[in-house]
């Protein structure tokens, strides 16, 4: 368990908090690229890490991401007029370019544009997402080399959801290998008994950019074979879901909106071939890894308000939850862990929680070090983010190092 003080430190990410400052040292996805339309569509709200921002696209395609508060009298630039070469505040007409420069102050008898800037942040459009670096300019790292940002457009599908809990509840769920055979079981008696008969061995190893959460169990096919599931955790809030070789992989990101809500970004990509129509249909419709959302709010269609679509008859007949869709099952347990910020001081952790304990320690150590003046190294190791997960059967004598290395791009 965590102490109440450590739980407070690790979950709070607003401006000026130790964990918030750590998040701001990394490139983060902040919106879908499709949310930022042409100039005539006007700006788009972007709320992350307790900050209110606006994104807009110039006629030349450049995207600006500005603090929503106009530097003049703090009117919200969301109401601003996108004039193609800059965003004009509707209150007094001050105009700002994508890099924050002030170019016009029509109501001022003696304009002082050169002395005013809107707070602007670096932006990168990649893999259907809008990414930004929100930290100090002098510590801006290179853009991470995610494999899915380097494949052709037809090979990748990205989605976003608004999740009603603290970001850490989702991240810890993604790192929890033990829940897969339990929470997501459809034939409860068989799968739970199998899990009890052959529990995995759990192992955690550090990497340059995070850690590897590994679960290995005996294969039912042969006593000479082991089944490996390896989930890369990449700081500060990213994972890659274990997937068999040769097919699509899936990235997840848990980006805080504030302390009690988060944006869940999911990207499925196939390095080898375009995503098929059936794979795209599953992404759009089946609530397995992605989830259907209200396009206006990004709240999942099946949510807390309708009890996540629980079917008690299906639950009684064999489903563990009676809730359709793996992602929806995750939402149900993550959004309801004694509140939107789980009181981790009340937990009783077991051997299955090694990756969660290691992740908490890594994050707390990095946040404390940054608060003491030591910058994190992980954001500057861009190549470390170009990695894949593992879900594979291998001879029992093989070491994890070779298994992981074989799976990498």
Protein backbone atom coordinates (compact mmCIF):
# COMPACT_ATOMS: atom_id res chain seq x y z
CA UNK A 1 0.00 0.00 0.00
CA UNK A 2 0.95 3.64 -0.23
CA UNK A 3 0.80 6.07 2.65
CA UNK A 4 -1.92 8.71 2.36
CA UNK A 5 0.81 11.32 1.78
CA UNK A 6 2.42 9.33 -1.05
CA UNK A 7 -0.98 8.68 -2.61
CA UNK A 8 -1.58 12.42 -2.59
CA UNK A 9 1.80 13.06 -4.20
CA UNK A 10 1.45 10.47 -6.96
CA UNK A 11 -2.13 11.28 -7.99
CA UNK A 12 -2.13 15.10 -8.04
CA UNK A 13 -0.94 16.56 -11.34
CA UNK A 14 -2.12 20.17 -11.36
CA UNK A 15 0.20 23.15 -11.95
CA UNK A 16 3.00 23.33 -9.41
CA UNK A 17 2.57 19.80 -8.02
CA UNK A 18 5.60 17.46 -8.09
CA UNK A 19 3.83 14.88 -10.26
CA UNK A 20 2.36 17.58 -12.49
CA UNK A 21 5.85 18.97 -13.07
CA UNK A 22 7.09 15.48 -13.93
CA UNK A 23 4.30 14.98 -16.48
CA UNK A 24 5.19 18.31 -18.05
CA UNK A 25 8.69 17.00 -18.90
CA UNK A 26 7.24 14.53 -21.44
CA UNK A 27 5.52 14.77 -24.81
CA UNK A 28 1.86 13.89 -24.15
CA UNK A 29 -1.12 13.23 -26.41
CA UNK A 30 -3.65 15.96 -25.66
CA UNK A 31 -6.37 15.57 -28.33
CA UNK A 32 -7.31 13.77 -31.51
CA UNK A 33 -5.93 15.58 -34.54
CA UNK A 34 -9.42 15.44 -36.06
CA UNK A 35 -10.74 17.65 -33.24
CA UNK A 36 -8.83 20.63 -34.65
CA UNK A 37 -10.62 21.57 -37.84
CA UNK A 38 -9.84 24.18 -40.51
CA UNK A 39 -9.58 27.85 -39.61
CA UNK A 40 -13.29 28.52 -40.13
CA UNK A 41 -14.14 25.87 -37.51
CA UNK A 42 -12.60 28.01 -34.77
CA UNK A 43 -10.52 26.87 -31.80
CA UNK A 44 -10.94 23.65 -29.79
CA UNK A 45 -10.84 23.26 -26.01
CA UNK A 46 -7.93 21.18 -24.70
CA UNK A 47 -7.92 20.55 -20.96
CA UNK A 48 -4.99 18.60 -19.48
CA UNK A 49 -3.01 18.60 -16.21
CA UNK A 50 -5.39 21.13 -14.69
CA UNK A 51 -4.66 23.67 -17.45
CA UNK A 52 -7.22 25.12 -19.86
CA UNK A 53 -5.78 25.44 -23.37
CA UNK A 54 -7.10 26.06 -26.87
CA UNK A 55 -5.90 24.53 -30.14
CA UNK A 56 -6.45 26.08 -33.57
CA UNK A 57 -5.28 25.44 -37.12
CA UNK A 58 -3.99 28.19 -39.40
CA UNK A 59 -4.79 28.18 -43.10
CA UNK A 60 -1.29 26.84 -43.83
CA UNK A 61 -1.99 23.82 -41.59
CA UNK A 62 0.08 25.01 -38.62
CA UNK A 63 -1.51 24.12 -35.29
CA UNK A 64 -1.27 26.46 -32.33
CA UNK A 65 -1.81 25.43 -28.72
CA UNK A 66 -2.25 28.42 -26.42
CA UNK A 67 -3.20 29.04 -22.82
CA UNK A 68 -6.94 29.74 -22.96
CA UNK A 69 -6.55 32.95 -20.94
CA UNK A 70 -5.90 35.99 -23.15
CA UNK A 71 -2.90 37.86 -21.67
CA UNK A 72 -4.90 41.13 -21.70
CA UNK A 73 -7.87 40.62 -19.37
CA UNK A 74 -7.88 36.79 -19.23
CA UNK A 75 -10.94 36.31 -21.45
CA UNK A 76 -11.19 32.74 -22.76
CA UNK A 77 -9.65 32.40 -26.21
CA UNK A 78 -12.03 29.52 -26.96
CA UNK A 79 -14.46 32.26 -28.04
CA UNK A 80 -11.75 33.69 -30.27
CA UNK A 81 -12.01 34.29 -34.01
CA UNK A 82 -9.60 32.22 -36.07
CA UNK A 83 -8.52 34.53 -38.88
CA UNK A 84 -6.31 31.98 -40.60
CA UNK A 85 -3.03 33.61 -39.61
CA UNK A 86 -3.85 33.99 -35.92
CA UNK A 87 -6.49 33.82 -33.21
CA UNK A 88 -8.19 37.09 -32.27
CA UNK A 89 -9.68 37.53 -28.79
CA UNK A 90 -13.26 38.71 -29.17
CA UNK A 91 -13.13 40.89 -26.03
CA UNK A 92 -10.70 43.60 -27.18
CA UNK A 93 -9.36 42.20 -30.44
CA UNK A 94 -5.84 41.26 -29.44
CA UNK A 95 -4.51 38.76 -31.97
CA UNK A 96 -2.03 35.92 -31.45
CA UNK A 97 -0.18 33.64 -33.85
CA UNK A 98 0.37 29.91 -33.33
CA UNK A 99 3.66 30.59 -31.53
CA UNK A 100 2.01 33.09 -29.15
CA UNK A 101 3.24 36.33 -30.73
CA UNK A 102 0.85 39.28 -30.43
CA UNK A 103 0.33 40.94 -33.83
CA UNK A 104 -2.54 43.36 -33.24
CA UNK A 105 -4.10 45.48 -30.46
CA UNK A 106 -6.75 47.49 -32.32
CA UNK A 107 -8.15 49.34 -29.29
CA UNK A 108 -4.76 50.53 -28.07
CA UNK A 109 -3.76 54.07 -29.20
CA UNK A 110 -0.13 53.02 -28.85
CA UNK A 111 0.06 49.24 -29.38
CA UNK A 112 2.71 47.38 -27.41
CA UNK A 113 2.53 44.03 -29.21
CA UNK A 114 6.25 43.41 -28.81
CA UNK A 115 5.86 43.31 -25.02
CA UNK A 116 3.05 40.74 -24.92
CA UNK A 117 2.93 37.02 -25.73
CA UNK A 118 0.30 34.37 -25.22
CA UNK A 119 1.65 31.26 -23.58
CA UNK A 120 2.17 28.79 -26.45
CA UNK A 121 3.28 25.17 -26.41
CA UNK A 122 5.11 23.01 -28.99
CA UNK A 123 2.74 20.77 -30.95
CA UNK A 124 3.25 17.66 -33.07
CA UNK A 125 0.56 15.93 -35.14
CA UNK A 126 1.27 12.18 -35.41
CA UNK A 127 -0.72 8.93 -35.72
CA UNK A 128 -4.05 10.75 -35.58
CA UNK A 129 -3.17 12.45 -32.29
CA UNK A 130 -2.15 15.93 -31.28
CA UNK A 131 0.90 15.83 -28.99
CA UNK A 132 2.36 18.63 -26.92
CA UNK A 133 5.21 19.38 -24.58
CA UNK A 134 3.96 21.50 -21.69
CA UNK A 135 7.15 21.99 -19.69
CA UNK A 136 9.93 24.57 -19.58
CA UNK A 137 11.35 25.38 -23.04
CA UNK A 138 14.91 24.79 -21.89
CA UNK A 139 14.19 21.12 -21.04
CA UNK A 140 12.14 20.22 -24.14
CA UNK A 141 13.04 16.64 -25.15
CA UNK A 142 13.06 15.14 -28.65
CA UNK A 143 9.77 13.67 -29.83
CA UNK A 144 9.61 9.99 -28.80
CA UNK A 145 10.01 7.44 -31.58
CA UNK A 146 6.74 5.58 -31.12
CA UNK A 147 6.55 2.94 -33.86
CA UNK A 148 2.93 3.83 -34.62
CA UNK A 149 3.95 7.40 -35.51
CA UNK A 150 6.24 6.05 -38.23
CA UNK A 151 3.81 3.76 -40.11
CA UNK A 152 1.55 4.71 -43.01
CA UNK A 153 -1.86 6.21 -42.25
CA UNK A 154 -3.81 3.05 -43.16
CA UNK A 155 -1.84 1.03 -40.61
CA UNK A 156 -3.06 2.95 -37.55
CA UNK A 157 -6.30 3.79 -35.73
CA UNK A 158 -6.51 6.20 -32.76
CA UNK A 159 -9.33 6.95 -30.31
CA UNK A 160 -9.95 9.02 -27.19
CA UNK A 161 -12.31 8.67 -24.25
CA UNK A 162 -13.06 10.70 -21.12
CA UNK A 163 -12.67 8.47 -18.08
CA UNK A 164 -14.13 9.46 -14.70
CA UNK A 165 -11.28 8.64 -12.37
CA UNK A 166 -7.74 9.60 -11.55
CA UNK A 167 -5.18 8.73 -14.22
CA UNK A 168 -3.31 6.27 -11.99
CA UNK A 169 -6.28 3.94 -11.67
CA UNK A 170 -6.25 3.35 -15.41
CA UNK A 171 -2.47 3.00 -15.66
CA UNK A 172 -2.38 0.47 -12.83
CA UNK A 173 -5.14 -1.51 -14.53
CA UNK A 174 -3.09 -1.70 -17.73
CA UNK A 175 -0.10 -3.03 -15.74
CA UNK A 176 -2.16 -5.60 -13.80
CA UNK A 177 -1.59 -8.89 -15.63
CA UNK A 178 -3.41 -10.87 -12.93
CA UNK A 179 -6.83 -9.40 -13.67
CA UNK A 180 -6.96 -10.54 -17.31
CA UNK A 181 -8.12 -14.10 -16.64
CA UNK A 182 -10.48 -13.03 -13.87
CA UNK A 183 -12.22 -9.77 -14.75
CA UNK A 184 -12.47 -10.62 -18.44
CA UNK A 185 -13.54 -14.25 -17.99
CA UNK A 186 -16.61 -15.40 -19.90
CA UNK A 187 -16.54 -19.00 -18.65
CA UNK A 188 -15.78 -18.23 -15.04
CA UNK A 189 -15.43 -21.70 -13.55
CA UNK A 190 -12.99 -22.93 -16.19
CA UNK A 191 -10.77 -19.87 -16.46
CA UNK A 192 -10.59 -19.08 -12.75
CA UNK A 193 -9.75 -22.69 -11.92
CA UNK A 194 -7.04 -22.70 -14.60
CA UNK A 195 -5.59 -19.49 -13.20
CA UNK A 196 -5.51 -21.02 -9.70
CA UNK A 197 -3.97 -24.28 -10.94
CA UNK A 198 -1.19 -22.60 -12.91
CA UNK A 199 -0.62 -19.11 -11.50
CA UNK A 200 1.92 -17.02 -13.39
CA UNK A 201 5.33 -16.04 -12.12
CA UNK A 202 5.60 -12.26 -12.05
CA UNK A 203 8.80 -10.36 -12.81
CA UNK A 204 9.66 -6.67 -13.25
CA UNK A 205 12.69 -5.24 -15.00
CA UNK A 206 13.73 -1.60 -15.39
CA UNK A 207 14.33 -0.07 -18.82
CA UNK A 208 15.75 3.26 -19.95
CA UNK A 209 12.24 4.73 -20.19
CA UNK A 210 10.21 2.77 -17.63
CA UNK A 211 9.92 -0.93 -16.92
CA UNK A 212 8.73 -4.29 -18.25
CA UNK A 213 5.89 -6.01 -16.41
CA UNK A 214 6.23 -9.73 -17.13
CA UNK A 215 3.98 -12.69 -16.38
CA UNK A 216 5.08 -16.19 -17.37
CA UNK A 217 3.12 -19.40 -16.88
CA UNK A 218 3.37 -23.00 -17.96
CA UNK A 219 1.78 -23.62 -21.31
CA UNK A 220 -1.15 -26.06 -21.31
CA UNK A 221 0.16 -27.39 -24.64
CA UNK A 222 3.51 -28.67 -23.37
CA UNK A 223 5.47 -28.87 -20.14
CA UNK A 224 8.53 -27.75 -22.12
CA UNK A 225 6.87 -24.50 -23.17
CA UNK A 226 6.15 -21.28 -21.26
CA UNK A 227 3.68 -18.54 -22.15
CA UNK A 228 5.04 -15.03 -21.74
CA UNK A 229 3.07 -11.78 -21.47
CA UNK A 230 5.27 -8.69 -21.34
CA UNK A 231 3.75 -5.23 -20.94
CA UNK A 232 6.10 -2.28 -21.46
CA UNK A 233 5.41 0.63 -19.14
CA UNK A 234 6.79 3.86 -20.58
CA UNK A 235 6.92 6.97 -18.42
CA UNK A 236 4.92 8.73 -17.38
CA UNK A 237 1.55 7.14 -18.32
CA UNK A 238 1.87 4.80 -21.29
CA UNK A 239 1.69 1.05 -21.90
CA UNK A 240 1.61 -1.35 -24.83
CA UNK A 241 -0.86 -4.23 -24.45
CA UNK A 242 0.62 -7.72 -24.95
CA UNK A 243 -0.18 -9.05 -28.42
CA UNK A 244 0.99 -12.08 -30.42
CA UNK A 245 3.67 -11.54 -33.08
CA UNK A 246 2.70 -10.65 -36.61
CA UNK A 247 -0.55 -8.83 -35.86
CA UNK A 248 -1.73 -5.45 -34.57
CA UNK A 249 -0.42 -3.91 -31.36
CA UNK A 250 -2.16 -1.43 -29.09
CA UNK A 251 -0.80 1.57 -27.16
CA UNK A 252 -2.62 3.13 -24.22
CA UNK A 253 -2.12 6.52 -22.58
CA UNK A 254 -3.70 7.88 -19.39
CA UNK A 255 -3.40 11.68 -19.53
CA UNK A 256 -4.88 13.63 -16.60
CA UNK A 257 -7.51 16.26 -17.33
CA UNK A 258 -7.56 17.08 -13.63
CA UNK A 259 -7.22 14.95 -10.50
CA UNK A 260 -10.55 13.15 -10.93
CA UNK A 261 -10.85 12.75 -14.72
CA UNK A 262 -8.48 11.61 -17.46
CA UNK A 263 -8.23 11.19 -21.20
CA UNK A 264 -7.69 7.62 -22.32
CA UNK A 265 -5.87 7.51 -25.64
CA UNK A 266 -5.72 4.20 -27.49
CA UNK A 267 -3.78 3.55 -30.69
CA UNK A 268 -3.90 0.27 -32.59
CA UNK A 269 -1.35 -0.22 -35.34
CA UNK A 270 -0.07 -2.98 -37.59
CA UNK A 271 3.59 -2.55 -38.56
CA UNK A 272 3.30 -5.14 -41.31
CA UNK A 273 0.11 -4.32 -43.23
CA UNK A 274 -2.84 -1.92 -43.34
CA UNK A 275 -5.52 -2.59 -40.74
CA UNK A 276 -8.23 -4.76 -42.27
CA UNK A 277 -11.88 -3.75 -42.43
CA UNK A 278 -12.66 -6.29 -39.71
CA UNK A 279 -9.89 -4.95 -37.46
CA UNK A 280 -11.18 -1.41 -37.94
CA UNK A 281 -14.74 -2.55 -37.21
CA UNK A 282 -13.60 -4.11 -33.93
CA UNK A 283 -11.81 -0.87 -33.00
CA UNK A 284 -14.91 1.21 -33.72
CA UNK A 285 -17.70 -1.02 -32.44
CA UNK A 286 -16.69 -3.77 -30.02
CA UNK A 287 -15.54 -1.94 -26.84
CA UNK A 288 -12.62 -4.34 -26.51
CA UNK A 289 -9.52 -2.12 -26.55
CA UNK A 290 -11.12 1.05 -27.87
CA UNK A 291 -14.59 2.11 -26.75
CA UNK A 292 -17.57 3.80 -28.37
CA UNK A 293 -18.00 7.38 -27.16
CA UNK A 294 -20.40 10.29 -27.44
CA UNK A 295 -18.68 12.42 -30.12
CA UNK A 296 -19.54 15.65 -28.30
CA UNK A 297 -18.27 14.73 -24.82
CA UNK A 298 -16.04 11.67 -25.44
CA UNK A 299 -17.81 9.92 -22.56
CA UNK A 300 -18.20 6.21 -23.30
CA UNK A 301 -21.68 5.30 -24.53
CA UNK A 302 -21.81 2.49 -21.96
CA UNK A 303 -20.88 4.16 -18.70
CA UNK A 304 -21.52 4.63 -14.99
CA UNK A 305 -24.86 6.29 -15.70
CA UNK A 306 -26.26 3.09 -17.22
CA UNK A 307 -24.33 0.71 -14.92
CA UNK A 308 -21.96 -0.17 -17.76
CA UNK A 309 -24.69 -2.24 -19.39
CA UNK A 310 -24.47 -4.98 -16.77
CA UNK A 311 -26.58 -8.06 -17.50
CA UNK A 312 -27.12 -9.98 -14.27
CA UNK A 313 -28.53 -12.97 -16.14
CA UNK A 314 -25.35 -13.23 -18.21
CA UNK A 315 -23.32 -12.89 -15.04
CA UNK A 316 -25.24 -15.70 -13.37
CA UNK A 317 -24.83 -17.87 -16.47
CA UNK A 318 -21.03 -17.70 -16.49
CA UNK A 319 -19.64 -14.24 -17.29
CA UNK A 320 -17.56 -12.83 -14.46
CA UNK A 321 -19.06 -9.35 -14.75
CA UNK A 322 -22.08 -9.56 -17.03
CA UNK A 323 -20.64 -6.41 -18.63
CA UNK A 324 -20.06 -6.55 -22.40
CA UNK A 325 -16.70 -5.43 -23.78
CA UNK A 326 -13.27 -5.73 -22.15
CA UNK A 327 -12.67 -1.97 -22.10
CA UNK A 328 -16.06 -1.38 -20.49
CA UNK A 329 -15.26 -4.00 -17.83
CA UNK A 330 -12.05 -2.10 -17.08
CA UNK A 331 -13.97 1.17 -16.84
CA UNK A 332 -16.40 -0.30 -14.32
CA UNK A 333 -13.71 -1.34 -11.85
CA UNK A 334 -11.33 1.58 -12.43
CA UNK A 335 -13.98 4.29 -12.02
CA UNK A 336 -15.28 2.70 -8.80
CA UNK A 337 -12.31 2.06 -6.50
CA UNK A 338 -13.71 3.84 -3.45
CA UNK A 339 -13.95 7.07 -5.41
CA UNK A 340 -12.23 8.77 -8.32
CA UNK A 341 -8.97 8.81 -6.32
CA UNK A 342 -8.50 5.40 -4.75
CA UNK A 343 -7.40 5.55 -1.07
CA UNK A 344 -4.36 3.31 -1.56
CA UNK A 345 -3.47 3.40 2.13
CA UNK A 346 -6.34 0.88 2.58
CA UNK A 347 -4.97 -1.71 0.11
CA UNK A 348 -3.54 -5.16 0.85
CA UNK A 349 -1.17 -5.87 -2.03
CA UNK A 350 -0.01 -9.31 -3.13
CA UNK A 351 2.66 -10.89 -5.29
CA UNK A 352 0.61 -10.14 -8.42
CA UNK A 353 1.08 -6.42 -7.76
CA UNK A 354 4.85 -6.27 -8.29
CA UNK A 355 4.61 -4.17 -11.43
CA UNK A 356 2.24 -1.74 -9.75
CA UNK A 357 4.54 -1.35 -6.74
CA UNK A 358 7.57 -0.85 -9.02
CA UNK A 359 5.74 1.74 -11.13
CA UNK A 360 4.66 3.71 -8.08
CA UNK A 361 8.21 3.70 -6.77
CA UNK A 362 9.61 4.83 -10.12
CA UNK A 363 7.14 7.70 -10.39
CA UNK A 364 7.53 8.86 -6.79
CA UNK A 365 11.32 8.76 -7.00
CA UNK A 366 11.31 10.74 -10.27
CA UNK A 367 8.86 13.35 -8.95
CA UNK A 368 10.84 13.84 -5.75
CA UNK A 369 14.11 14.05 -7.66
CA UNK A 370 12.70 16.67 -10.01
CA UNK A 371 11.40 18.69 -7.06
CA UNK A 372 14.95 18.59 -5.68
CA UNK A 373 16.38 19.84 -8.98
CA UNK A 374 17.29 16.64 -10.87
CA UNK A 375 15.67 16.40 -14.29
CA UNK A 376 14.33 13.01 -15.46
CA UNK A 377 16.41 11.24 -18.10
CA UNK A 378 13.58 9.21 -19.66
CA UNK A 379 12.05 11.98 -21.85
CA UNK A 380 15.38 12.43 -23.63
CA UNK A 381 15.70 8.77 -24.64
CA UNK A 382 13.46 8.94 -27.68
CA UNK A 383 14.56 5.58 -29.11
CA UNK A 384 13.41 3.79 -25.95
CA UNK A 385 9.78 4.50 -26.86
CA UNK A 386 10.09 2.53 -30.10
CA UNK A 387 9.18 -0.83 -28.60
CA UNK A 388 6.64 -3.64 -28.70
CA UNK A 389 4.90 -5.85 -26.19
CA UNK A 390 5.11 -9.66 -26.05
CA UNK A 391 2.53 -12.47 -25.94
CA UNK A 392 4.26 -15.63 -27.05
CA UNK A 393 5.00 -19.27 -26.22
CA UNK A 394 8.70 -20.10 -25.90
CA UNK A 395 10.84 -23.02 -24.68
CA UNK A 396 11.08 -22.96 -20.89
CA UNK A 397 14.86 -22.56 -20.95
CA UNK A 398 14.76 -19.21 -22.80
CA UNK A 399 15.57 -16.05 -20.85
CA UNK A 400 13.35 -12.98 -20.92
CA UNK A 401 16.08 -10.84 -22.47
CA UNK A 402 16.11 -12.83 -25.69
CA UNK A 403 12.32 -13.14 -25.83
CA UNK A 404 11.84 -9.38 -25.50
CA UNK A 405 14.65 -8.57 -27.91
CA UNK A 406 13.19 -10.86 -30.59
CA UNK A 407 9.87 -8.98 -30.50
CA UNK A 408 11.28 -5.50 -31.03
CA UNK A 409 11.03 -3.56 -34.33
